[in-house]
Amino acid sequence: HAGCRHAPRMAQLAARLAGLGLAPAQIEKVLTEYYASFDAPKRAKLDV
């Protein structure tokens, strides 16, 4: 899927987490939580 702009960045993140010493299951957990956090229902309603 050469047209995907985000896959290289997700792969870069996975590689960096591997470099920190995380196991595959830990990396997948971080990736799942990280990308889910972008959706509006996951965002905190902060008074700024």
All heavy atoms as atom14 arrays in JSON, in Angstrom:
{
  "sequence": "HAGCRHAPRMAQLAARLAGLGLAPAQIEKVLTEYYASFDAPKRAKLDV",
  "atom14_mask": [
    [1, 1, 1, 1, 1, 1, 1, 1, 1, 1, 0, 0, 0, 0],
    [1, 1, 1, 1, 1, 0, 0, 0, 0, 0, 0, 0, 0, 0],
    [1, 1, 1, 1, 0, 0, 0, 0, 0, 0, 0, 0, 0, 0],
    [1, 1, 1, 1, 1, 1, 0, 0, 0, 0, 0, 0, 0, 0],
    [1, 1, 1, 1, 1, 1, 1, 1, 1, 1, 1, 0, 0, 0],
    [1, 1, 1, 1, 1, 1, 1, 1, 1, 1, 0, 0, 0, 0],
    [1, 1, 1, 1, 1, 0, 0, 0, 0, 0, 0, 0, 0, 0],
    [1, 1, 1, 1, 1, 1, 1, 0, 0, 0, 0, 0, 0, 0],
    [1, 1, 1, 1, 1, 1, 1, 1, 1, 1, 1, 0, 0, 0],
    [1, 1, 1, 1, 1, 1, 1, 1, 0, 0, 0, 0, 0, 0],
    [1, 1, 1, 1, 1, 0, 0, 0, 0, 0, 0, 0, 0, 0],
    [1, 1, 1, 1, 1, 1, 1, 1, 1, 0, 0, 0, 0, 0],
    [1, 1, 1, 1, 1, 1, 1, 1, 0, 0, 0, 0, 0, 0],
    [1, 1, 1, 1, 1, 0, 0, 0, 0, 0, 0, 0, 0, 0],
    [1, 1, 1, 1, 1, 0, 0, 0, 0, 0, 0, 0, 0, 0],
    [1, 1, 1, 1, 1, 1, 1, 1, 1, 1, 1, 0, 0, 0],
    [1, 1, 1, 1, 1, 1, 1, 1, 0, 0, 0, 0, 0, 0],
    [1, 1, 1, 1, 1, 0, 0, 0, 0, 0, 0, 0, 0, 0],
    [1, 1, 1, 1, 0, 0, 0, 0, 0, 0, 0, 0, 0, 0],
    [1, 1, 1, 1, 1, 1, 1, 1, 0, 0, 0, 0, 0, 0],
    [1, 1, 1, 1, 0, 0, 0, 0, 0, 0, 0, 0, 0, 0],
    [1, 1, 1, 1, 1, 1, 1, 1, 0, 0, 0, 0, 0, 0],
    [1, 1, 1, 1, 1, 0, 0, 0, 0, 0, 0, 0, 0, 0],
    [1, 1, 1, 1, 1, 1, 1, 0, 0, 0, 0, 0, 0, 0],
    [1, 1, 1, 1, 1, 0, 0, 0, 0, 0, 0, 0, 0, 0],
    [1, 1, 1, 1, 1, 1, 1, 1, 1, 0, 0, 0, 0, 0],
    [1, 1, 1, 1, 1, 1, 1, 1, 0, 0, 0, 0, 0, 0],
    [1, 1, 1, 1, 1, 1, 1, 1, 1, 0, 0, 0, 0, 0],
    [1, 1, 1, 1, 1, 1, 1, 1, 1, 0, 0, 0, 0, 0],
    [1, 1, 1, 1, 1, 1, 1, 0, 0, 0, 0, 0, 0, 0],
    [1, 1, 1, 1, 1, 1, 1, 1, 0, 0, 0, 0, 0, 0],
    [1, 1, 1, 1, 1, 1, 1, 0, 0, 0, 0, 0, 0, 0],
    [1, 1, 1, 1, 1, 1, 1, 1, 1, 0, 0, 0, 0, 0],
    [1, 1, 1, 1, 1, 1, 1, 1, 1, 1, 1, 1, 0, 0],
    [1, 1, 1, 1, 1, 1, 1, 1, 1, 1, 1, 1, 0, 0],
    [1, 1, 1, 1, 1, 0, 0, 0, 0, 0, 0, 0, 0, 0],
    [1, 1, 1, 1, 1, 1, 0, 0, 0, 0, 0, 0, 0, 0],
    [1, 1, 1, 1, 1, 1, 1, 1, 1, 1, 1, 0, 0, 0],
    [1, 1, 1, 1, 1, 1, 1, 1, 0, 0, 0, 0, 0, 0],
    [1, 1, 1, 1, 1, 0, 0, 0, 0, 0, 0, 0, 0, 0],
    [1, 1, 1, 1, 1, 1, 1, 0, 0, 0, 0, 0, 0, 0],
    [1, 1, 1, 1, 1, 1, 1, 1, 1, 0, 0, 0, 0, 0],
    [1, 1, 1, 1, 1, 1, 1, 1, 1, 1, 1, 0, 0, 0],
    [1, 1, 1, 1, 1, 0, 0, 0, 0, 0, 0, 0, 0, 0],
    [1, 1, 1, 1, 1, 1, 1, 1, 1, 0, 0, 0, 0, 0],
    [1, 1, 1, 1, 1, 1, 1, 1, 0, 0, 0, 0, 0, 0],
    [1, 1, 1, 1, 1, 1, 1, 1, 0, 0, 0, 0, 0, 0],
    [1, 1, 1, 1, 1, 1, 1, 0, 0, 0, 0, 0, 0, 0]
  ],
  "atom14_positions": [
    [[0.86, -1.19, 0.0], [0.0, 0.0, 0.0], [0.9, 1.24, 0.0], [1.0, 1.96, 0.98], [-0.9, -0.04, 1.24], [-1.94, 1.03, 1.26], [-2.67, 1.34, 2.38], [-2.4, 1.87, 0.3], [-3.52, 2.31, 2.13], [-3.37, 2.65, 0.87], [0.0, 0.0, 0.0], [0.0, 0.0, 0.0], [0.0, 0.0, 0.0], [0.0, 0.0, 0.0]],
    [[1.55, 1.44, -1.13], [2.56, 2.49, -1.22], [2.0, 3.89, -0.96], [2.73, 4.79, -0.57], [3.23, 2.46, -2.59], [0.0, 0.0, 0.0], [0.0, 0.0, 0.0], [0.0, 0.0, 0.0], [0.0, 0.0, 0.0], [0.0, 0.0, 0.0], [0.0, 0.0, 0.0], [0.0, 0.0, 0.0], [0.0, 0.0, 0.0], [0.0, 0.0, 0.0]],
    [[0.69, 4.06, -1.15], [0.11, 5.38, -0.95], [-0.15, 5.74, 0.49], [-0.51, 6.89, 0.8], [0.0, 0.0, 0.0], [0.0, 0.0, 0.0], [0.0, 0.0, 0.0], [0.0, 0.0, 0.0], [0.0, 0.0, 0.0], [0.0, 0.0, 0.0], [0.0, 0.0, 0.0], [0.0, 0.0, 0.0], [0.0, 0.0, 0.0], [0.0, 0.0, 0.0]],
    [[0.02, 4.8, 1.42], [-0.24, 5.09, 2.83], [0.85, 5.99, 3.39], [2.04, 5.65, 3.35], [-0.3, 3.79, 3.64], [-0.57, 4.06, 5.41], [0.0, 0.0, 0.0], [0.0, 0.0, 0.0], [0.0, 0.0, 0.0], [0.0, 0.0, 0.0], [0.0, 0.0, 0.0], [0.0, 0.0, 0.0], [0.0, 0.0, 0.0], [0.0, 0.0, 0.0]],
    [[0.46, 7.13, 3.9], [1.43, 8.07, 4.45], [1.78, 7.76, 5.91], [2.81, 8.21, 6.41], [0.88, 9.5, 4.37], [0.71, 10.02, 2.95], [0.13, 11.43, 2.93], [-1.24, 11.46, 3.44], [-1.63, 12.14, 4.51], [-0.75, 12.8, 5.21], [-2.88, 12.13, 4.88], [0.0, 0.0, 0.0], [0.0, 0.0, 0.0], [0.0, 0.0, 0.0]],
    [[0.9, 7.0, 6.55], [1.12, 6.83, 7.98], [1.86, 5.55, 8.34], [2.52, 5.5, 9.39], [-0.2, 6.87, 8.75], [0.01, 7.1, 10.21], [0.43, 8.31, 10.71], [-0.06, 6.27, 11.26], [0.57, 8.22, 12.02], [0.29, 6.98, 12.38], [0.0, 0.0, 0.0], [0.0, 0.0, 0.0], [0.0, 0.0, 0.0], [0.0, 0.0, 0.0]],
    [[1.78, 4.52, 7.53], [2.44, 3.25, 7.87], [3.92, 3.43, 8.17], [4.42, 2.83, 9.14], [2.24, 2.24, 6.74], [0.0, 0.0, 0.0], [0.0, 0.0, 0.0], [0.0, 0.0, 0.0], [0.0, 0.0, 0.0], [0.0, 0.0, 0.0], [0.0, 0.0, 0.0], [0.0, 0.0, 0.0], [0.0, 0.0, 0.0], [0.0, 0.0, 0.0]],
    [[4.68, 4.22, 7.41], [6.09, 4.38, 7.75], [6.3, 4.98, 9.14], [7.25, 4.61, 9.85], [6.61, 5.33, 6.65], [5.7, 5.1, 5.5], [4.35, 4.87, 6.12], [0.0, 0.0, 0.0], [0.0, 0.0, 0.0], [0.0, 0.0, 0.0], [0.0, 0.0, 0.0], [0.0, 0.0, 0.0], [0.0, 0.0, 0.0], [0.0, 0.0, 0.0]],
    [[5.41, 5.89, 9.56], [5.56, 6.48, 10.89], [5.19, 5.47, 11.97], [5.84, 5.41, 13.03], [4.7, 7.74, 11.0], [5.24, 8.89, 10.18], [4.43, 10.17, 10.36], [4.26, 10.56, 11.74], [5.22, 11.06, 12.51], [6.45, 11.18, 12.04], [4.97, 11.41, 13.75], [0.0, 0.0, 0.0], [0.0, 0.0, 0.0], [0.0, 0.0, 0.0]],
    [[4.15, 4.69, 11.75], [3.79, 3.66, 12.72], [4.91, 2.64, 12.85], [5.24, 2.2, 13.96], [2.49, 2.98, 12.3], [2.01, 1.94, 13.28], [0.45, 1.18, 12.72], [0.27, -0.09, 14.0], [0.0, 0.0, 0.0], [0.0, 0.0, 0.0], [0.0, 0.0, 0.0], [0.0, 0.0, 0.0], [0.0, 0.0, 0.0], [0.0, 0.0, 0.0]],
    [[5.52, 2.27, 11.72], [6.63, 1.33, 11.74], [7.84, 1.91, 12.46], [8.55, 1.21, 13.19], [6.99, 0.93, 10.32], [0.0, 0.0, 0.0], [0.0, 0.0, 0.0], [0.0, 0.0, 0.0], [0.0, 0.0, 0.0], [0.0, 0.0, 0.0], [0.0, 0.0, 0.0], [0.0, 0.0, 0.0], [0.0, 0.0, 0.0], [0.0, 0.0, 0.0]],
    [[8.06, 3.2, 12.25], [9.16, 3.87, 12.94], [8.95, 3.82, 14.44], [9.88, 3.57, 15.22], [9.24, 5.33, 12.46], [10.26, 6.19, 13.2], [10.09, 7.68, 12.89], [9.42, 8.05, 11.93], [10.69, 8.52, 13.71], [0.0, 0.0, 0.0], [0.0, 0.0, 0.0], [0.0, 0.0, 0.0], [0.0, 0.0, 0.0], [0.0, 0.0, 0.0]],
    [[7.71, 4.05, 14.88], [7.39, 4.0, 16.31], [7.59, 2.59, 16.85], [8.18, 2.4, 17.92], [5.96, 4.47, 16.54], [5.44, 4.4, 17.98], [6.34, 5.18, 18.93], [4.01, 4.92, 18.05], [0.0, 0.0, 0.0], [0.0, 0.0, 0.0], [0.0, 0.0, 0.0], [0.0, 0.0, 0.0], [0.0, 0.0, 0.0], [0.0, 0.0, 0.0]],
    [[7.12, 1.59, 16.12], [7.29, 0.2, 16.57], [8.77, -0.14, 16.71], [9.17, -0.8, 17.69], [6.61, -0.75, 15.59], [0.0, 0.0, 0.0], [0.0, 0.0, 0.0], [0.0, 0.0, 0.0], [0.0, 0.0, 0.0], [0.0, 0.0, 0.0], [0.0, 0.0, 0.0], [0.0, 0.0, 0.0], [0.0, 0.0, 0.0], [0.0, 0.0, 0.0]],
    [[9.58, 0.3, 15.75], [11.01, 0.01, 15.82], [11.66, 0.71, 17.01], [12.52, 0.13, 17.7], [11.69, 0.45, 14.52], [0.0, 0.0, 0.0], [0.0, 0.0, 0.0], [0.0, 0.0, 0.0], [0.0, 0.0, 0.0], [0.0, 0.0, 0.0], [0.0, 0.0, 0.0], [0.0, 0.0, 0.0], [0.0, 0.0, 0.0], [0.0, 0.0, 0.0]],
    [[11.24, 1.94, 17.28], [11.83, 2.66, 18.42], [11.45, 2.0, 19.74], [12.25, 1.92, 20.67], [11.4, 4.12, 18.39], [12.23, 4.99, 19.32], [12.21, 6.43, 18.89], [10.87, 6.92, 18.76], [10.11, 7.3, 19.79], [10.59, 7.23, 21.0], [8.9, 7.76, 19.58], [0.0, 0.0, 0.0], [0.0, 0.0, 0.0], [0.0, 0.0, 0.0]],
    [[10.22, 1.5, 19.84], [9.8, 0.81, 21.05], [10.57, -0.5, 21.22], [10.94, -0.87, 22.34], [8.3, 0.55, 21.0], [7.4, 1.79, 21.04], [5.94, 1.41, 20.79], [7.54, 2.54, 22.36], [0.0, 0.0, 0.0], [0.0, 0.0, 0.0], [0.0, 0.0, 0.0], [0.0, 0.0, 0.0], [0.0, 0.0, 0.0], [0.0, 0.0, 0.0]],
    [[10.83, -1.17, 20.12], [11.67, -2.37, 20.19], [13.06, -2.01, 20.69], [13.67, -2.75, 21.46], [11.74, -3.04, 18.82], [0.0, 0.0, 0.0], [0.0, 0.0, 0.0], [0.0, 0.0, 0.0], [0.0, 0.0, 0.0], [0.0, 0.0, 0.0], [0.0, 0.0, 0.0], [0.0, 0.0, 0.0], [0.0, 0.0, 0.0], [0.0, 0.0, 0.0]],
    [[13.55, -0.86, 20.26], [14.86, -0.4, 20.7], [14.92, -0.07, 22.18], [16.0, -0.1, 22.78], [0.0, 0.0, 0.0], [0.0, 0.0, 0.0], [0.0, 0.0, 0.0], [0.0, 0.0, 0.0], [0.0, 0.0, 0.0], [0.0, 0.0, 0.0], [0.0, 0.0, 0.0], [0.0, 0.0, 0.0], [0.0, 0.0, 0.0], [0.0, 0.0, 0.0]],
    [[13.78, 0.23, 22.79], [13.72, 0.47, 24.23], [13.71, -0.83, 25.03], [13.79, -0.79, 26.26], [12.46, 1.29, 24.58], [12.43, 2.74, 24.13], [11.08, 3.37, 24.47], [13.56, 3.54, 24.78], [0.0, 0.0, 0.0], [0.0, 0.0, 0.0], [0.0, 0.0, 0.0], [0.0, 0.0, 0.0], [0.0, 0.0, 0.0], [0.0, 0.0, 0.0]],
    [[13.58, -1.96, 24.34], [13.58, -3.24, 25.03], [12.22, -3.83, 25.28], [12.1, -4.84, 25.99], [0.0, 0.0, 0.0], [0.0, 0.0, 0.0], [0.0, 0.0, 0.0], [0.0, 0.0, 0.0], [0.0, 0.0, 0.0], [0.0, 0.0, 0.0], [0.0, 0.0, 0.0], [0.0, 0.0, 0.0], [0.0, 0.0, 0.0], [0.0, 0.0, 0.0]],
    [[11.17, -3.25, 24.7], [9.82, -3.78, 24.92], [9.62, -5.06, 24.12], [10.16, -5.21, 23.02], [8.76, -2.75, 24.52], [8.37, -1.73, 25.59], [9.52, -0.78, 25.9], [7.15, -0.93, 25.14], [0.0, 0.0, 0.0], [0.0, 0.0, 0.0], [0.0, 0.0, 0.0], [0.0, 0.0, 0.0], [0.0, 0.0, 0.0], [0.0, 0.0, 0.0]],
    [[8.84, -5.97, 24.67], [8.49, -7.21, 24.0], [7.36, -6.95, 23.0], [6.67, -5.93, 23.08], [8.05, -8.25, 25.03], [0.0, 0.0, 0.0], [0.0, 0.0, 0.0], [0.0, 0.0, 0.0], [0.0, 0.0, 0.0], [0.0, 0.0, 0.0], [0.0, 0.0, 0.0], [0.0, 0.0, 0.0], [0.0, 0.0, 0.0], [0.0, 0.0, 0.0]],
    [[7.13, -7.87, 22.04], [6.08, -7.64, 21.04], [4.71, -7.32, 21.64], [4.03, -6.4, 21.17], [6.06, -8.97, 20.27], [7.45, -9.47, 20.36], [7.91, -9.09, 21.75], [0.0, 0.0, 0.0], [0.0, 0.0, 0.0], [0.0, 0.0, 0.0], [0.0, 0.0, 0.0], [0.0, 0.0, 0.0], [0.0, 0.0, 0.0], [0.0, 0.0, 0.0]],
    [[4.28, -8.06, 22.66], [2.97, -7.8, 23.25], [2.9, -6.42, 23.87], [1.86, -5.73, 23.8], [2.63, -8.86, 24.3], [0.0, 0.0, 0.0], [0.0, 0.0, 0.0], [0.0, 0.0, 0.0], [0.0, 0.0, 0.0], [0.0, 0.0, 0.0], [0.0, 0.0, 0.0], [0.0, 0.0, 0.0], [0.0, 0.0, 0.0], [0.0, 0.0, 0.0]],
    [[3.99, -5.98, 24.49], [4.02, -4.64, 25.07], [3.95, -3.57, 23.99], [3.25, -2.56, 24.13], [5.3, -4.46, 25.9], [5.35, -5.33, 27.14], [6.7, -5.28, 27.82], [7.74, -5.31, 27.14], [6.71, -5.2, 29.13], [0.0, 0.0, 0.0], [0.0, 0.0, 0.0], [0.0, 0.0, 0.0], [0.0, 0.0, 0.0], [0.0, 0.0, 0.0]],
    [[4.67, -3.79, 22.9], [4.65, -2.81, 21.8], [3.25, -2.71, 21.21], [2.74, -1.62, 20.96], [5.67, -3.19, 20.72], [7.09, -3.1, 21.29], [5.53, -2.29, 19.5], [8.17, -3.59, 20.34], [0.0, 0.0, 0.0], [0.0, 0.0, 0.0], [0.0, 0.0, 0.0], [0.0, 0.0, 0.0], [0.0, 0.0, 0.0], [0.0, 0.0, 0.0]],
    [[2.62, -3.85, 20.97], [1.27, -3.83, 20.39], [0.29, -3.13, 21.32], [-0.62, -2.42, 20.85], [0.83, -5.25, 20.07], [1.61, -5.86, 18.89], [1.08, -7.21, 18.46], [-0.16, -7.38, 18.44], [1.89, -8.1, 18.15], [0.0, 0.0, 0.0], [0.0, 0.0, 0.0], [0.0, 0.0, 0.0], [0.0, 0.0, 0.0], [0.0, 0.0, 0.0]],
    [[0.45, -3.31, 22.62], [-0.42, -2.62, 23.58], [-0.22, -1.1, 23.5], [-1.18, -0.33, 23.48], [-0.14, -3.11, 25.0], [-1.05, -2.51, 26.07], [-0.75, -3.16, 27.43], [-1.74, -2.69, 28.5], [-1.6, -1.25, 28.8], [0.0, 0.0, 0.0], [0.0, 0.0, 0.0], [0.0, 0.0, 0.0], [0.0, 0.0, 0.0], [0.0, 0.0, 0.0]],
    [[1.05, -0.67, 23.46], [1.33, 0.76, 23.34], [0.74, 1.31, 22.04], [0.1, 2.38, 22.04], [2.85, 1.03, 23.4], [3.14, 2.5, 23.07], [3.4, 0.71, 24.78], [0.0, 0.0, 0.0], [0.0, 0.0, 0.0], [0.0, 0.0, 0.0], [0.0, 0.0, 0.0], [0.0, 0.0, 0.0], [0.0, 0.0, 0.0], [0.0, 0.0, 0.0]],
    [[0.94, 0.62, 20.94], [0.42, 1.09, 19.65], [-1.1, 1.2, 19.67], [-1.67, 2.2, 19.2], [0.86, 0.14, 18.53], [2.35, 0.1, 18.19], [2.62, -0.97, 17.14], [2.85, 1.46, 17.72], [0.0, 0.0, 0.0], [0.0, 0.0, 0.0], [0.0, 0.0, 0.0], [0.0, 0.0, 0.0], [0.0, 0.0, 0.0], [0.0, 0.0, 0.0]],
    [[-1.77, 0.18, 20.21], [-3.23, 0.2, 20.26], [-3.74, 1.38, 21.07], [-4.63, 2.13, 20.64], [-3.76, -1.11, 20.86], [-3.39, -2.2, 20.0], [-5.28, -1.08, 20.99], [0.0, 0.0, 0.0], [0.0, 0.0, 0.0], [0.0, 0.0, 0.0], [0.0, 0.0, 0.0], [0.0, 0.0, 0.0], [0.0, 0.0, 0.0], [0.0, 0.0, 0.0]],
    [[-3.16, 1.59, 22.25], [-3.61, 2.68, 23.12], [-3.25, 4.04, 22.52], [-4.04, 4.99, 22.61], [-3.01, 2.52, 24.51], [-3.53, 1.3, 25.26], [-2.91, 1.13, 26.62], [-1.92, 1.84, 26.92], [-3.41, 0.29, 27.39], [0.0, 0.0, 0.0], [0.0, 0.0, 0.0], [0.0, 0.0, 0.0], [0.0, 0.0, 0.0], [0.0, 0.0, 0.0]],
    [[-2.07, 4.13, 21.92], [-1.63, 5.4, 21.35], [-2.56, 5.85, 20.24], [-3.04, 6.99, 20.23], [-0.2, 5.24, 20.82], [0.34, 6.47, 20.11], [0.78, 7.58, 20.83], [0.4, 6.52, 18.72], [1.27, 8.7, 20.18], [0.9, 7.64, 18.06], [1.33, 8.73, 18.8], [1.81, 9.85, 18.15], [0.0, 0.0, 0.0], [0.0, 0.0, 0.0]],
    [[-2.85, 4.96, 19.27], [-3.68, 5.38, 18.14], [-5.15, 5.54, 18.52], [-5.84, 6.39, 17.96], [-3.49, 4.42, 16.97], [-2.12, 4.59, 16.35], [-1.13, 3.62, 16.5], [-1.79, 5.76, 15.67], [0.14, 3.8, 15.97], [-0.53, 5.96, 15.14], [0.43, 4.97, 15.29], [1.69, 5.18, 14.77], [0.0, 0.0, 0.0], [0.0, 0.0, 0.0]],
    [[-5.62, 4.78, 19.49], [-7.0, 4.96, 19.95], [-7.18, 6.32, 20.63], [-8.28, 6.89, 20.6], [-7.38, 3.84, 20.92], [0.0, 0.0, 0.0], [0.0, 0.0, 0.0], [0.0, 0.0, 0.0], [0.0, 0.0, 0.0], [0.0, 0.0, 0.0], [0.0, 0.0, 0.0], [0.0, 0.0, 0.0], [0.0, 0.0, 0.0], [0.0, 0.0, 0.0]],
    [[-6.1, 6.86, 21.2], [-6.22, 8.11, 21.94], [-6.51, 9.31, 21.06], [-6.89, 10.38, 21.57], [-4.92, 8.38, 22.73], [-3.85, 8.73, 21.87], [0.0, 0.0, 0.0], [0.0, 0.0, 0.0], [0.0, 0.0, 0.0], [0.0, 0.0, 0.0], [0.0, 0.0, 0.0], [0.0, 0.0, 0.0], [0.0, 0.0, 0.0], [0.0, 0.0, 0.0]],
    [[-6.37, 9.17, 19.74], [-6.63, 10.31, 18.86], [-8.12, 10.58, 18.68], [-8.51, 11.7, 18.36], [-5.99, 10.07, 17.48], [-4.51, 10.3, 17.47], [-3.64, 9.31, 17.88], [-3.99, 11.52, 17.07], [-2.27, 9.51, 17.89], [-2.63, 11.74, 17.06], [-1.76, 10.73, 17.49], [0.0, 0.0, 0.0], [0.0, 0.0, 0.0], [0.0, 0.0, 0.0]],
    [[-8.96, 9.58, 18.87], [-10.39, 9.77, 18.65], [-10.98, 10.7, 19.7], [-10.58, 10.68, 20.87], [-11.11, 8.42, 18.68], [-10.74, 7.55, 17.48], [-10.38, 8.12, 16.44], [-10.8, 6.31, 17.6], [0.0, 0.0, 0.0], [0.0, 0.0, 0.0], [0.0, 0.0, 0.0], [0.0, 0.0, 0.0], [0.0, 0.0, 0.0], [0.0, 0.0, 0.0]],
    [[-11.95, 11.48, 19.3], [-12.54, 12.5, 20.17], [-13.03, 11.96, 21.51], [-12.8, 12.61, 22.54], [-13.67, 13.22, 19.43], [0.0, 0.0, 0.0], [0.0, 0.0, 0.0], [0.0, 0.0, 0.0], [0.0, 0.0, 0.0], [0.0, 0.0, 0.0], [0.0, 0.0, 0.0], [0.0, 0.0, 0.0], [0.0, 0.0, 0.0], [0.0, 0.0, 0.0]],
    [[-13.73, 10.81, 21.57], [-14.22, 10.34, 22.87], [-13.11, 10.04, 23.87], [-13.37, 10.01, 25.09], [-15.0, 9.07, 22.51], [-15.35, 9.22, 21.07], [-14.21, 9.96, 20.47], [0.0, 0.0, 0.0], [0.0, 0.0, 0.0], [0.0, 0.0, 0.0], [0.0, 0.0, 0.0], [0.0, 0.0, 0.0], [0.0, 0.0, 0.0], [0.0, 0.0, 0.0]],
    [[-11.9, 9.81, 23.4], [-10.79, 9.5, 24.28], [-10.1, 10.75, 24.83], [-9.29, 10.67, 25.75], [-9.75, 8.65, 23.54], [-10.23, 7.26, 23.16], [-10.23, 6.35, 24.36], [-10.51, 4.91, 23.95], [-10.47, 4.0, 25.11], [0.0, 0.0, 0.0], [0.0, 0.0, 0.0], [0.0, 0.0, 0.0], [0.0, 0.0, 0.0], [0.0, 0.0, 0.0]],
    [[-10.4, 11.89, 24.26], [-9.71, 13.11, 24.66], [-10.35, 13.73, 25.9], [-11.57, 13.8, 26.02], [-9.72, 14.13, 23.5], [-8.89, 13.68, 22.32], [-8.9, 14.7, 21.2], [-8.17, 14.22, 20.04], [-6.94, 14.61, 19.69], [-6.32, 15.53, 20.42], [-6.34, 14.09, 18.63], [0.0, 0.0, 0.0], [0.0, 0.0, 0.0], [0.0, 0.0, 0.0]],
    [[-9.52, 14.17, 26.8], [-10.0, 14.8, 28.03], [-10.54, 16.19, 27.72], [-10.03, 16.9, 26.86], [-8.87, 14.9, 29.05], [0.0, 0.0, 0.0], [0.0, 0.0, 0.0], [0.0, 0.0, 0.0], [0.0, 0.0, 0.0], [0.0, 0.0, 0.0], [0.0, 0.0, 0.0], [0.0, 0.0, 0.0], [0.0, 0.0, 0.0], [0.0, 0.0, 0.0]],
    [[-11.61, 16.55, 28.42], [-12.18, 17.89, 28.28], [-11.48, 18.8, 29.29], [-11.88, 18.89, 30.46], [-13.69, 17.85, 28.54], [-14.46, 16.88, 27.64], [-14.37, 17.27, 26.19], [-15.31, 16.46, 25.31], [-14.93, 15.02, 25.25], [0.0, 0.0, 0.0], [0.0, 0.0, 0.0], [0.0, 0.0, 0.0], [0.0, 0.0, 0.0], [0.0, 0.0, 0.0]],
    [[-10.43, 19.44, 28.86], [-9.61, 20.26, 29.75], [-9.95, 21.74, 29.62], [-10.14, 22.25, 28.52], [-8.13, 20.05, 29.43], [-7.59, 18.62, 29.52], [-6.1, 18.61, 29.2], [-7.86, 18.01, 30.88], [0.0, 0.0, 0.0], [0.0, 0.0, 0.0], [0.0, 0.0, 0.0], [0.0, 0.0, 0.0], [0.0, 0.0, 0.0], [0.0, 0.0, 0.0]],
    [[-10.03, 22.41, 30.76], [-10.19, 23.85, 30.77], [-8.82, 24.47, 30.51], [-7.88, 24.29, 31.29], [-10.71, 24.31, 32.13], [-10.75, 25.82, 32.28], [-10.66, 26.52, 31.26], [-10.84, 26.29, 33.44], [0.0, 0.0, 0.0], [0.0, 0.0, 0.0], [0.0, 0.0, 0.0], [0.0, 0.0, 0.0], [0.0, 0.0, 0.0], [0.0, 0.0, 0.0]],
    [[-8.68, 25.16, 29.4], [-7.41, 25.83, 29.1], [-7.56, 27.35, 29.09], [-6.58, 28.07, 29.23], [-6.85, 25.35, 27.74], [-6.52, 23.87, 27.79], [-7.8, 25.65, 26.59], [0.0, 0.0, 0.0], [0.0, 0.0, 0.0], [0.0, 0.0, 0.0], [0.0, 0.0, 0.0], [0.0, 0.0, 0.0], [0.0, 0.0, 0.0], [0.0, 0.0, 0.0]]
  ]
}
